[in-house]
Amino acid sequence: MIGGIGAIQFKTAVDGAESASPNLLQGGVGTQASESVGSSFAEVLSQAATKTVNTLQGAEQMSIQALKGDADTRQVVDAVLSAQQALQTTIAIRDKVVSAYLEISRMSI
């Protein structure tokens, strides 16, 4: 079974990044970040990770139902393709976040 990955671990990573550089956006003109904006971003990413995990678990359950004879092939294919698309989207978002972090870390202060 696919474990509960993503939401909790991602929230921990976001909290760690915030605590590592809390004053990252201070110092520039008009670059004050509000707490609600940071919370909203973390919540959106957490919800996306949770939704992806649920989609993957649903596809896995559909595959198990097909093995038992309770689901037809069309349902399994739809569930697996949906899970594949969700996973590819999540990987693309992760790559963009890592790329942005690396770009910011290379900036001179």
PDB file of N, CA and C in Angstrom:
ATOM      1  N   MET A   1       0.834  -1.183   0.000  1.00  0.00           N
ATOM      2  CA  MET A   1       0.000   0.000   0.000  1.00  0.00           C
ATOM      3  C   MET A   1       0.881   1.249   0.000  1.00  0.00           C
ATOM      4  N   ILE A   2       0.383   2.272  -0.568  1.00  0.00           N
ATOM      5  CA  ILE A   2       1.094   3.539  -0.590  1.00  0.00           C
ATOM      6  C   ILE A   2       0.853   4.226   0.735  1.00  0.00           C
ATOM      7  N   GLY A   3       1.934   4.577   1.413  1.00  0.00           N
ATOM      8  CA  GLY A   3       1.818   5.203   2.727  1.00  0.00           C
ATOM      9  C   GLY A   3       1.421   6.658   2.618  1.00  0.00           C
ATOM     10  N   GLY A   4       1.188   7.264   3.765  1.00  0.00           N
ATOM     11  CA  GLY A   4       0.790   8.664   3.821  1.00  0.00           C
ATOM     12  C   GLY A   4       1.975   9.587   3.630  1.00  0.00           C
ATOM     13  N   ILE A   5       2.523   9.607   2.431  1.00  0.00           N
ATOM     14  CA  ILE A   5       3.658  10.473   2.154  1.00  0.00           C
ATOM     15  C   ILE A   5       3.169  11.840   1.725  1.00  0.00           C
ATOM     16  N   GLY A   6       4.028  12.787   1.769  1.00  0.00           N
ATOM     17  CA  GLY A   6       3.714  14.068   1.161  1.00  0.00           C
ATOM     18  C   GLY A   6       3.262  15.144   2.116  1.00  0.00           C
ATOM     19  N   ALA A   7       2.017  15.128   2.503  1.00  0.00           N
ATOM     20  CA  ALA A   7       1.440  16.271   3.205  1.00  0.00           C
ATOM     21  C   ALA A   7       2.182  16.606   4.490  1.00  0.00           C
ATOM     22  N   ILE A   8       2.388  15.624   5.335  1.00  0.00           N
ATOM     23  CA  ILE A   8       3.048  15.887   6.618  1.00  0.00           C
ATOM     24  C   ILE A   8       4.526  16.176   6.398  1.00  0.00           C
ATOM     25  N   GLN A   9       5.178  15.368   5.576  1.00  0.00           N
ATOM     26  CA  GLN A   9       6.597  15.575   5.314  1.00  0.00           C
ATOM     27  C   GLN A   9       6.829  16.890   4.587  1.00  0.00           C
ATOM     28  N   PHE A  10       5.944  17.242   3.681  1.00  0.00           N
ATOM     29  CA  PHE A  10       6.101  18.487   2.940  1.00  0.00           C
ATOM     30  C   PHE A  10       5.924  19.680   3.860  1.00  0.00           C
ATOM     31  N   LYS A  11       4.936  19.605   4.758  1.00  0.00           N
ATOM     32  CA  LYS A  11       4.704  20.687   5.717  1.00  0.00           C
ATOM     33  C   LYS A  11       5.927  20.858   6.606  1.00  0.00           C
ATOM     34  N   THR A  12       6.547  19.748   7.025  1.00  0.00           N
ATOM     35  CA  THR A  12       7.754  19.811   7.843  1.00  0.00           C
ATOM     36  C   THR A  12       8.887  20.480   7.074  1.00  0.00           C
ATOM     37  N   ALA A  13       9.025  20.151   5.793  1.00  0.00           N
ATOM     38  CA  ALA A  13      10.075  20.753   4.973  1.00  0.00           C
ATOM     39  C   ALA A  13       9.846  22.249   4.791  1.00  0.00           C
ATOM     40  N   VAL A  14       8.603  22.634   4.572  1.00  0.00           N
ATOM     41  CA  VAL A  14       8.286  24.060   4.408  1.00  0.00           C
ATOM     42  C   VAL A  14       8.572  24.812   5.699  1.00  0.00           C
ATOM     43  N   ASP A  15       8.167  24.232   6.836  1.00  0.00           N
ATOM     44  CA  ASP A  15       8.437  24.873   8.126  1.00  0.00           C
ATOM     45  C   ASP A  15       9.936  25.002   8.366  1.00  0.00           C
ATOM     46  N   GLY A  16      10.698  23.979   7.985  1.00  0.00           N
ATOM     47  CA  GLY A  16      12.150  24.032   8.140  1.00  0.00           C
ATOM     48  C   GLY A  16      12.771  25.108   7.274  1.00  0.00           C
ATOM     49  N   ALA A  17      12.267  25.260   6.060  1.00  0.00           N
ATOM     50  CA  ALA A  17      12.788  26.299   5.167  1.00  0.00           C
ATOM     51  C   ALA A  17      12.458  27.686   5.698  1.00  0.00           C
ATOM     52  N   GLU A  18      11.258  27.835   6.259  1.00  0.00           N
ATOM     53  CA  GLU A  18      10.881  29.133   6.811  1.00  0.00           C
ATOM     54  C   GLU A  18      11.728  29.489   8.023  1.00  0.00           C
ATOM     55  N   SER A  19      12.030  28.493   8.856  1.00  0.00           N
ATOM     56  CA  SER A  19      12.827  28.779  10.048  1.00  0.00           C
ATOM     57  C   SER A  19      14.295  29.004   9.696  1.00  0.00           C
ATOM     58  N   ALA A  20      14.759  28.412   8.595  1.00  0.00           N
ATOM     59  CA  ALA A  20      16.157  28.581   8.200  1.00  0.00           C
ATOM     60  C   ALA A  20      16.430  29.986   7.685  1.00  0.00           C
ATOM     61  N   SER A  21      15.470  30.575   7.015  1.00  0.00           N
ATOM     62  CA  SER A  21      15.669  31.922   6.474  1.00  0.00           C
ATOM     63  C   SER A  21      14.410  32.765   6.659  1.00  0.00           C
ATOM     64  N   PRO A  22      14.095  33.161   7.888  1.00  0.00           N
ATOM     65  CA  PRO A  22      12.867  33.924   8.116  1.00  0.00           C
ATOM     66  C   PRO A  22      12.903  35.333   7.546  1.00  0.00           C
ATOM     67  N   ASN A  23      14.073  35.916   7.367  1.00  0.00           N
ATOM     68  CA  ASN A  23      14.192  37.291   6.879  1.00  0.00           C
ATOM     69  C   ASN A  23      14.597  37.350   5.415  1.00  0.00           C
ATOM     70  N   LEU A  24      14.293  36.306   4.670  1.00  0.00           N
ATOM     71  CA  LEU A  24      14.732  36.226   3.281  1.00  0.00           C
ATOM     72  C   LEU A  24      14.180  37.371   2.439  1.00  0.00           C
ATOM     73  N   LEU A  25      12.945  37.758   2.676  1.00  0.00           N
ATOM     74  CA  LEU A  25      12.319  38.780   1.846  1.00  0.00           C
ATOM     75  C   LEU A  25      12.432  40.183   2.421  1.00  0.00           C
ATOM     76  N   GLN A  26      13.101  40.371   3.521  1.00  0.00           N
ATOM     77  CA  GLN A  26      13.218  41.699   4.104  1.00  0.00           C
ATOM     78  C   GLN A  26      14.389  42.442   3.481  1.00  0.00           C
ATOM     79  N   GLY A  27      14.296  43.747   3.455  1.00  0.00           N
ATOM     80  CA  GLY A  27      15.411  44.548   2.974  1.00  0.00           C
ATOM     81  C   GLY A  27      15.176  45.202   1.639  1.00  0.00           C
ATOM     82  N   GLY A  28      14.316  44.659   0.790  1.00  0.00           N
ATOM     83  CA  GLY A  28      14.042  45.255  -0.502  1.00  0.00           C
ATOM     84  C   GLY A  28      12.864  46.200  -0.419  1.00  0.00           C
ATOM     85  N   VAL A  29      12.698  46.993  -1.447  1.00  0.00           N
ATOM     86  CA  VAL A  29      11.583  47.933  -1.491  1.00  0.00           C
ATOM     87  C   VAL A  29      10.321  47.161  -1.856  1.00  0.00           C
ATOM     88  N   GLY A  30       9.323  47.238  -1.003  1.00  0.00           N
ATOM     89  CA  GLY A  30       8.044  46.592  -1.287  1.00  0.00           C
ATOM     90  C   GLY A  30       8.080  45.081  -1.250  1.00  0.00           C
ATOM     91  N   THR A  31       8.966  44.491  -0.488  1.00  0.00           N
ATOM     92  CA  THR A  31       9.058  43.038  -0.458  1.00  0.00           C
ATOM     93  C   THR A  31       8.705  42.467   0.900  1.00  0.00           C
ATOM     94  N   GLN A  32       7.829  43.115   1.616  1.00  0.00           N
ATOM     95  CA  GLN A  32       7.423  42.577   2.902  1.00  0.00           C
ATOM     96  C   GLN A  32       6.403  41.468   2.669  1.00  0.00           C
ATOM     97  N   ALA A  33       6.668  40.305   3.253  1.00  0.00           N
ATOM     98  CA  ALA A  33       5.769  39.165   3.114  1.00  0.00           C
ATOM     99  C   ALA A  33       4.899  39.064   4.351  1.00  0.00           C
ATOM    100  N   SER A  34       3.651  38.838   4.140  1.00  0.00           N
ATOM    101  CA  SER A  34       2.759  38.683   5.287  1.00  0.00           C
ATOM    102  C   SER A  34       2.707  37.214   5.680  1.00  0.00           C
ATOM    103  N   GLU A  35       2.368  36.967   6.920  1.00  0.00           N
ATOM    104  CA  GLU A  35       2.285  35.598   7.427  1.00  0.00           C
ATOM    105  C   GLU A  35       1.185  34.814   6.725  1.00  0.00           C
ATOM    106  N   SER A  36       0.098  35.486   6.382  1.00  0.00           N
ATOM    107  CA  SER A  36      -1.017  34.782   5.749  1.00  0.00           C
ATOM    108  C   SER A  36      -0.654  34.286   4.352  1.00  0.00           C
ATOM    109  N   VAL A  37       0.178  35.020   3.639  1.00  0.00           N
ATOM    110  CA  VAL A  37       0.587  34.590   2.305  1.00  0.00           C
ATOM    111  C   VAL A  37       1.427  33.327   2.402  1.00  0.00           C
ATOM    112  N   GLY A  38       2.379  33.291   3.321  1.00  0.00           N
ATOM    113  CA  GLY A  38       3.202  32.103   3.505  1.00  0.00           C
ATOM    114  C   GLY A  38       2.376  30.912   3.937  1.00  0.00           C
ATOM    115  N   SER A  39       1.424  31.139   4.809  1.00  0.00           N
ATOM    116  CA  SER A  39       0.561  30.054   5.260  1.00  0.00           C
ATOM    117  C   SER A  39      -0.298  29.535   4.118  1.00  0.00           C
ATOM    118  N   SER A  40      -0.808  30.423   3.303  1.00  0.00           N
ATOM    119  CA  SER A  40      -1.645  30.002   2.185  1.00  0.00           C
ATOM    120  C   SER A  40      -0.848  29.158   1.196  1.00  0.00           C
ATOM    121  N   PHE A  41       0.371  29.567   0.908  1.00  0.00           N
ATOM    122  CA  PHE A  41       1.211  28.812  -0.019  1.00  0.00           C
ATOM    123  C   PHE A  41       1.488  27.420   0.528  1.00  0.00           C
ATOM    124  N   ALA A  42       1.835  27.336   1.803  1.00  0.00           N
ATOM    125  CA  ALA A  42       2.103  26.040   2.424  1.00  0.00           C
ATOM    126  C   ALA A  42       0.848  25.175   2.440  1.00  0.00           C
ATOM    127  N   GLU A  43      -0.291  25.790   2.708  1.00  0.00           N
ATOM    128  CA  GLU A  43      -1.543  25.039   2.728  1.00  0.00           C
ATOM    129  C   GLU A  43      -1.897  24.509   1.342  1.00  0.00           C
ATOM    130  N   VAL A  44      -1.695  25.327   0.327  1.00  0.00           N
ATOM    131  CA  VAL A  44      -1.999  24.895  -1.040  1.00  0.00           C
ATOM    132  C   VAL A  44      -1.113  23.719  -1.435  1.00  0.00           C
ATOM    133  N   LEU A  45       0.167  23.810  -1.137  1.00  0.00           N
ATOM    134  CA  LEU A  45       1.066  22.711  -1.469  1.00  0.00           C
ATOM    135  C   LEU A  45       0.735  21.458  -0.667  1.00  0.00           C
ATOM    136  N   SER A  46       0.374  21.638   0.587  1.00  0.00           N
ATOM    137  CA  SER A  46      -0.005  20.507   1.424  1.00  0.00           C
ATOM    138  C   SER A  46      -1.267  19.834   0.890  1.00  0.00           C
ATOM    139  N   GLN A  47      -2.244  20.624   0.498  1.00  0.00           N
ATOM    140  CA  GLN A  47      -3.479  20.070  -0.059  1.00  0.00           C
ATOM    141  C   GLN A  47      -3.213  19.348  -1.378  1.00  0.00           C
ATOM    142  N   ALA A  48      -2.336  19.903  -2.196  1.00  0.00           N
ATOM    143  CA  ALA A  48      -1.997  19.259  -3.467  1.00  0.00           C
ATOM    144  C   ALA A  48      -1.308  17.923  -3.228  1.00  0.00           C
ATOM    145  N   ALA A  49      -0.399  17.882  -2.255  1.00  0.00           N
ATOM    146  CA  ALA A  49       0.288  16.632  -1.933  1.00  0.00           C
ATOM    147  C   ALA A  49      -0.700  15.603  -1.393  1.00  0.00           C
ATOM    148  N   THR A  50      -1.609  16.033  -0.545  1.00  0.00           N
ATOM    149  CA  THR A  50      -2.615  15.123   0.001  1.00  0.00           C
ATOM    150  C   THR A  50      -3.519  14.582  -1.098  1.00  0.00           C
ATOM    151  N   LYS A  51      -3.916  15.452  -2.016  1.00  0.00           N
ATOM    152  CA  LYS A  51      -4.774  15.024  -3.125  1.00  0.00           C
ATOM    153  C   LYS A  51      -4.051  14.012  -4.016  1.00  0.00           C
ATOM    154  N   THR A  52      -2.768  14.242  -4.257  1.00  0.00           N
ATOM    155  CA  THR A  52      -1.988  13.313  -5.068  1.00  0.00           C
ATOM    156  C   THR A  52      -1.888  11.955  -4.393  1.00  0.00           C
ATOM    157  N   VAL A  53      -1.618  11.956  -3.095  1.00  0.00           N
ATOM    158  CA  VAL A  53      -1.532  10.694  -2.355  1.00  0.00           C
ATOM    159  C   VAL A  53      -2.868   9.965  -2.405  1.00  0.00           C
ATOM    160  N   ASN A  54      -3.964  10.690  -2.231  1.00  0.00           N
ATOM    161  CA  ASN A  54      -5.288  10.068  -2.289  1.00  0.00           C
ATOM    162  C   ASN A  54      -5.572   9.489  -3.670  1.00  0.00           C
ATOM    163  N   THR A  55      -5.150  10.185  -4.718  1.00  0.00           N
ATOM    164  CA  THR A  55      -5.335   9.688  -6.082  1.00  0.00           C
ATOM    165  C   THR A  55      -4.539   8.409  -6.301  1.00  0.00           C
ATOM    166  N   LEU A  56      -3.302   8.385  -5.812  1.00  0.00           N
ATOM    167  CA  LEU A  56      -2.476   7.187  -5.948  1.00  0.00           C
ATOM    168  C   LEU A  56      -3.073   6.018  -5.171  1.00  0.00           C
ATOM    169  N   GLN A  57      -3.561   6.290  -3.974  1.00  0.00           N
ATOM    170  CA  GLN A  57      -4.179   5.232  -3.179  1.00  0.00           C
ATOM    171  C   GLN A  57      -5.462   4.729  -3.839  1.00  0.00           C
ATOM    172  N   GLY A  58      -6.233   5.639  -4.445  1.00  0.00           N
ATOM    173  CA  GLY A  58      -7.448   5.235  -5.147  1.00  0.00           C
ATOM    174  C   GLY A  58      -7.145   4.333  -6.336  1.00  0.00           C
ATOM    175  N   ALA A  59      -6.091   4.657  -7.069  1.00  0.00           N
ATOM    176  CA  ALA A  59      -5.692   3.818  -8.202  1.00  0.00           C
ATOM    177  C   ALA A  59      -5.236   2.445  -7.725  1.00  0.00           C
ATOM    178  N   GLU A  60      -4.533   2.435  -6.613  1.00  0.00           N
ATOM    179  CA  GLU A  60      -4.087   1.155  -6.061  1.00  0.00           C
ATOM    180  C   GLU A  60      -5.280   0.315  -5.600  1.00  0.00           C
ATOM    181  N   GLN A  61      -6.245   0.954  -4.957  1.00  0.00           N
ATOM    182  CA  GLN A  61      -7.449   0.238  -4.522  1.00  0.00           C
ATOM    183  C   GLN A  61      -8.232  -0.298  -5.725  1.00  0.00           C
ATOM    184  N   MET A  62      -8.298   0.498  -6.793  1.00  0.00           N
ATOM    185  CA  MET A  62      -9.002   0.064  -7.996  1.00  0.00           C
ATOM    186  C   MET A  62      -8.307  -1.144  -8.612  1.00  0.00           C
ATOM    187  N   SER A  63      -6.983  -1.160  -8.591  1.00  0.00           N
ATOM    188  CA  SER A  63      -6.230  -2.303  -9.109  1.00  0.00           C
ATOM    189  C   SER A  63      -6.505  -3.549  -8.279  1.00  0.00           C
ATOM    190  N   ILE A  64      -6.572  -3.377  -6.972  1.00  0.00           N
ATOM    191  CA  ILE A  64      -6.864  -4.513  -6.086  1.00  0.00           C
ATOM    192  C   ILE A  64      -8.277  -5.031  -6.340  1.00  0.00           C
ATOM    193  N   GLN A  65      -9.231  -4.111  -6.539  1.00  0.00           N
ATOM    194  CA  GLN A  65     -10.603  -4.524  -6.845  1.00  0.00           C
ATOM    195  C   GLN A  65     -10.665  -5.282  -8.164  1.00  0.00           C
ATOM    196  N   ALA A  66      -9.862  -4.875  -9.138  1.00  0.00           N
ATOM    197  CA  ALA A  66      -9.834  -5.570 -10.424  1.00  0.00           C
ATOM    198  C   ALA A  66      -9.280  -6.979 -10.262  1.00  0.00           C
ATOM    199  N   LEU A  67      -8.274  -7.129  -9.403  1.00  0.00           N
ATOM    200  CA  LEU A  67      -7.726  -8.462  -9.156  1.00  0.00           C
ATOM    201  C   LEU A  67      -8.755  -9.375  -8.496  1.00  0.00           C
ATOM    202  N   LYS A  68      -9.624  -8.785  -7.688  1.00  0.00           N
ATOM    203  CA  LYS A  68     -10.690  -9.552  -7.035  1.00  0.00           C
ATOM    204  C   LYS A  68     -11.865  -9.798  -7.976  1.00  0.00           C
ATOM    205  N   GLY A  69     -11.900  -9.083  -9.103  1.00  0.00           N
ATOM    206  CA  GLY A  69     -12.988  -9.220 -10.051  1.00  0.00           C
ATOM    207  C   GLY A  69     -14.128  -8.251  -9.821  1.00  0.00           C
ATOM    208  N   ASP A  70     -13.917  -7.247  -8.986  1.00  0.00           N
ATOM    209  CA  ASP A  70     -14.968  -6.288  -8.653  1.00  0.00           C
ATOM    210  C   ASP A  70     -14.957  -5.040  -9.535  1.00  0.00           C
ATOM    211  N   ALA A  71     -13.943  -4.847 -10.360  1.00  0.00           N
ATOM    212  CA  ALA A  71     -13.849  -3.657 -11.211  1.00  0.00           C
ATOM    213  C   ALA A  71     -13.443  -4.084 -12.615  1.00  0.00           C
ATOM    214  N   ASP A  72     -13.938  -3.351 -13.603  1.00  0.00           N
ATOM    215  CA  ASP A  72     -13.567  -3.698 -14.971  1.00  0.00           C
ATOM    216  C   ASP A  72     -12.280  -2.979 -15.386  1.00  0.00           C
ATOM    217  N   THR A  73     -11.768  -3.378 -16.519  1.00  0.00           N
ATOM    218  CA  THR A  73     -10.485  -2.872 -17.000  1.00  0.00           C
ATOM    219  C   THR A  73     -10.529  -1.365 -17.252  1.00  0.00           C
ATOM    220  N   ARG A  74     -11.634  -0.881 -17.761  1.00  0.00           N
ATOM    221  CA  ARG A  74     -11.760   0.550 -18.066  1.00  0.00           C
ATOM    222  C   ARG A  74     -11.590   1.406 -16.810  1.00  0.00           C
ATOM    223  N   GLN A  75     -12.202   0.991 -15.707  1.00  0.00           N
ATOM    224  CA  GLN A  75     -12.084   1.731 -14.452  1.00  0.00           C
ATOM    225  C   GLN A  75     -10.642   1.738 -13.949  1.00  0.00           C
ATOM    226  N   VAL A  76      -9.977   0.599 -14.082  1.00  0.00           N
ATOM    227  CA  VAL A  76      -8.588   0.499 -13.625  1.00  0.00           C
ATOM    228  C   VAL A  76      -7.688   1.396 -14.463  1.00  0.00           C
ATOM    229  N   VAL A  77      -7.867   1.355 -15.775  1.00  0.00           N
ATOM    230  CA  VAL A  77      -7.039   2.179 -16.661  1.00  0.00           C
ATOM    231  C   VAL A  77      -7.261   3.661 -16.368  1.00  0.00           C
ATOM    232  N   ASP A  78      -8.510   4.067 -16.195  1.00  0.00           N
ATOM    233  CA  ASP A  78      -8.795   5.473 -15.873  1.00  0.00           C
ATOM    234  C   ASP A  78      -8.138   5.887 -14.561  1.00  0.00           C
ATOM    235  N   ALA A  79      -8.237   5.036 -13.544  1.00  0.00           N
ATOM    236  CA  ALA A  79      -7.653   5.355 -12.238  1.00  0.00           C
ATOM    237  C   ALA A  79      -6.133   5.424 -12.307  1.00  0.00           C
ATOM    238  N   VAL A  80      -5.528   4.492 -13.021  1.00  0.00           N
ATOM    239  CA  VAL A  80      -4.064   4.468 -13.122  1.00  0.00           C
ATOM    240  C   VAL A  80      -3.556   5.660 -13.931  1.00  0.00           C
ATOM    241  N   LEU A  81      -4.229   5.998 -15.021  1.00  0.00           N
ATOM    242  CA  LEU A  81      -3.812   7.159 -15.813  1.00  0.00           C
ATOM    243  C   LEU A  81      -3.979   8.457 -15.030  1.00  0.00           C
ATOM    244  N   SER A  82      -5.034   8.552 -14.252  1.00  0.00           N
ATOM    245  CA  SER A  82      -5.233   9.728 -13.405  1.00  0.00           C
ATOM    246  C   SER A  82      -4.123   9.824 -12.360  1.00  0.00           C
ATOM    247  N   ALA A  83      -3.771   8.696 -11.768  1.00  0.00           N
ATOM    248  CA  ALA A  83      -2.691   8.680 -10.778  1.00  0.00           C
ATOM    249  C   ALA A  83      -1.357   9.041 -11.420  1.00  0.00           C
ATOM    250  N   GLN A  84      -1.117   8.543 -12.630  1.00  0.00           N
ATOM    251  CA  GLN A  84       0.122   8.860 -13.329  1.00  0.00           C
ATOM    252  C   GLN A  84       0.216  10.353 -13.628  1.00  0.00           C
ATOM    253  N   GLN A  85      -0.873  10.943 -14.071  1.00  0.00           N
ATOM    254  CA  GLN A  85      -0.883  12.376 -14.365  1.00  0.00           C
ATOM    255  C   GLN A  85      -0.664  13.192 -13.093  1.00  0.00           C
ATOM    256  N   ALA A  86      -1.299  12.796 -12.003  1.00  0.00           N
ATOM    257  CA  ALA A  86      -1.129  13.507 -10.727  1.00  0.00           C
ATOM    258  C   ALA A  86       0.312  13.414 -10.245  1.00  0.00           C
ATOM    259  N   LEU A  87       0.911  12.245 -10.383  1.00  0.00           N
ATOM    260  CA  LEU A  87       2.298  12.067  -9.950  1.00  0.00           C
ATOM    261  C   LEU A  87       3.253  12.884 -10.815  1.00  0.00           C
ATOM    262  N   GLN A  88       3.036  12.897 -12.124  1.00  0.00           N
ATOM    263  CA  GLN A  88       3.893  13.688 -13.005  1.00  0.00           C
ATOM    264  C   GLN A  88       3.767  15.180 -12.712  1.00  0.00           C
ATOM    265  N   THR A  89       2.568  15.632 -12.410  1.00  0.00           N
ATOM    266  CA  THR A  89       2.366  17.037 -12.051  1.00  0.00           C
ATOM    267  C   THR A  89       3.090  17.372 -10.758  1.00  0.00           C
ATOM    268  N   THR A  90       2.987  16.489  -9.781  1.00  0.00           N
ATOM    269  CA  THR A  90       3.661  16.698  -8.498  1.00  0.00           C
ATOM    270  C   THR A  90       5.173  16.737  -8.670  1.00  0.00           C
ATOM    271  N   ILE A  91       5.699  15.864  -9.496  1.00  0.00           N
ATOM    272  CA  ILE A  91       7.143  15.846  -9.749  1.00  0.00           C
ATOM    273  C   ILE A  91       7.577  17.137 -10.441  1.00  0.00           C
ATOM    274  N   ALA A  92       6.778  17.619 -11.389  1.00  0.00           N
ATOM    275  CA  ALA A  92       7.110  18.874 -12.080  1.00  0.00           C
ATOM    276  C   ALA A  92       7.103  20.050 -11.111  1.00  0.00           C
ATOM    277  N   ILE A  93       6.130  20.085 -10.209  1.00  0.00           N
ATOM    278  CA  ILE A  93       6.080  21.158  -9.211  1.00  0.00           C
ATOM    279  C   ILE A  93       7.281  21.072  -8.287  1.00  0.00           C
ATOM    280  N   ARG A  94       7.612  19.865  -7.854  1.00  0.00           N
ATOM    281  CA  ARG A  94       8.781  19.688  -6.989  1.00  0.00           C
ATOM    282  C   ARG A  94      10.047  20.178  -7.680  1.00  0.00           C
ATOM    283  N   ASP A  95      10.207  19.834  -8.952  1.00  0.00           N
ATOM    284  CA  ASP A  95      11.390  20.269  -9.692  1.00  0.00           C
ATOM    285  C   ASP A  95      11.464  21.791  -9.785  1.00  0.00           C
ATOM    286  N   LYS A  96      10.325  22.441 -10.003  1.00  0.00           N
ATOM    287  CA  LYS A  96      10.304  23.909 -10.077  1.00  0.00           C
ATOM    288  C   LYS A  96      10.636  24.535  -8.728  1.00  0.00           C
ATOM    289  N   VAL A  97      10.120  23.960  -7.645  1.00  0.00           N
ATOM    290  CA  VAL A  97      10.411  24.486  -6.306  1.00  0.00           C
ATOM    291  C   VAL A  97      11.892  24.341  -5.994  1.00  0.00           C
ATOM    292  N   VAL A  98      12.467  23.192  -6.301  1.00  0.00           N
ATOM    293  CA  VAL A  98      13.895  22.974  -6.057  1.00  0.00           C
ATOM    294  C   VAL A  98      14.724  23.921  -6.913  1.00  0.00           C
ATOM    295  N   SER A  99      14.337  24.090  -8.170  1.00  0.00           N
ATOM    296  CA  SER A  99      15.053  25.002  -9.058  1.00  0.00           C
ATOM    297  C   SER A  99      15.000  26.435  -8.538  1.00  0.00           C
ATOM    298  N   ALA A 100      13.832  26.869  -8.079  1.00  0.00           N
ATOM    299  CA  ALA A 100      13.700  28.222  -7.530  1.00  0.00           C
ATOM    300  C   ALA A 100      14.537  28.384  -6.267  1.00  0.00           C
ATOM    301  N   TYR A 101      14.542  27.372  -5.417  1.00  0.00           N
ATOM    302  CA  TYR A 101      15.340  27.430  -4.189  1.00  0.00           C
ATOM    303  C   TYR A 101      16.829  27.547  -4.518  1.00  0.00           C
ATOM    304  N   LEU A 102      17.290  26.740  -5.480  1.00  0.00           N
ATOM    305  CA  LEU A 102      18.704  26.797  -5.860  1.00  0.00           C
ATOM    306  C   LEU A 102      19.060  28.148  -6.468  1.00  0.00           C
ATOM    307  N   GLU A 103      18.163  28.700  -7.258  1.00  0.00           N
ATOM    308  CA  GLU A 103      18.414  30.014  -7.853  1.00  0.00           C
ATOM    309  C   GLU A 103      18.494  31.091  -6.774  1.00  0.00           C
ATOM    310  N   ILE A 104      17.604  31.035  -5.812  1.00  0.00           N
ATOM    311  CA  ILE A 104      17.630  32.004  -4.712  1.00  0.00           C
ATOM    312  C   ILE A 104      18.885  31.836  -3.871  1.00  0.00           C
ATOM    313  N   SER A 105      19.294  30.587  -3.643  1.00  0.00           N
ATOM    314  CA  SER A 105      20.481  30.356  -2.811  1.00  0.00           C
ATOM    315  C   SER A 105      21.762  30.843  -3.493  1.00  0.00           C
ATOM    316  N   ARG A 106      21.752  30.942  -4.825  1.00  0.00           N
ATOM    317  CA  ARG A 106      22.930  31.430  -5.548  1.00  0.00           C
ATOM    318  C   ARG A 106      23.003  32.951  -5.611  1.00  0.00           C
ATOM    319  N   MET A 107      21.933  33.625  -5.242  1.00  0.00           N
ATOM    320  CA  MET A 107      21.924  35.090  -5.300  1.00  0.00           C
ATOM    321  C   MET A 107      22.868  35.669  -4.260  1.00  0.00           C
ATOM    322  N   SER A 108      23.569  36.718  -4.666  1.00  0.00           N
ATOM    323  CA  SER A 108      24.436  37.397  -3.705  1.00  0.00           C
ATOM    324  C   SER A 108      23.605  38.405  -2.928  1.00  0.00           C
ATOM    325  N   ILE A 109      23.945  38.525  -1.680  1.00  0.00           N
ATOM    326  CA  ILE A 109      23.177  39.423  -0.800  1.00  0.00           C
ATOM    327  C   ILE A 109      23.930  40.713  -0.601  1.00  0.00           C
TER     328      ILE A 109
END
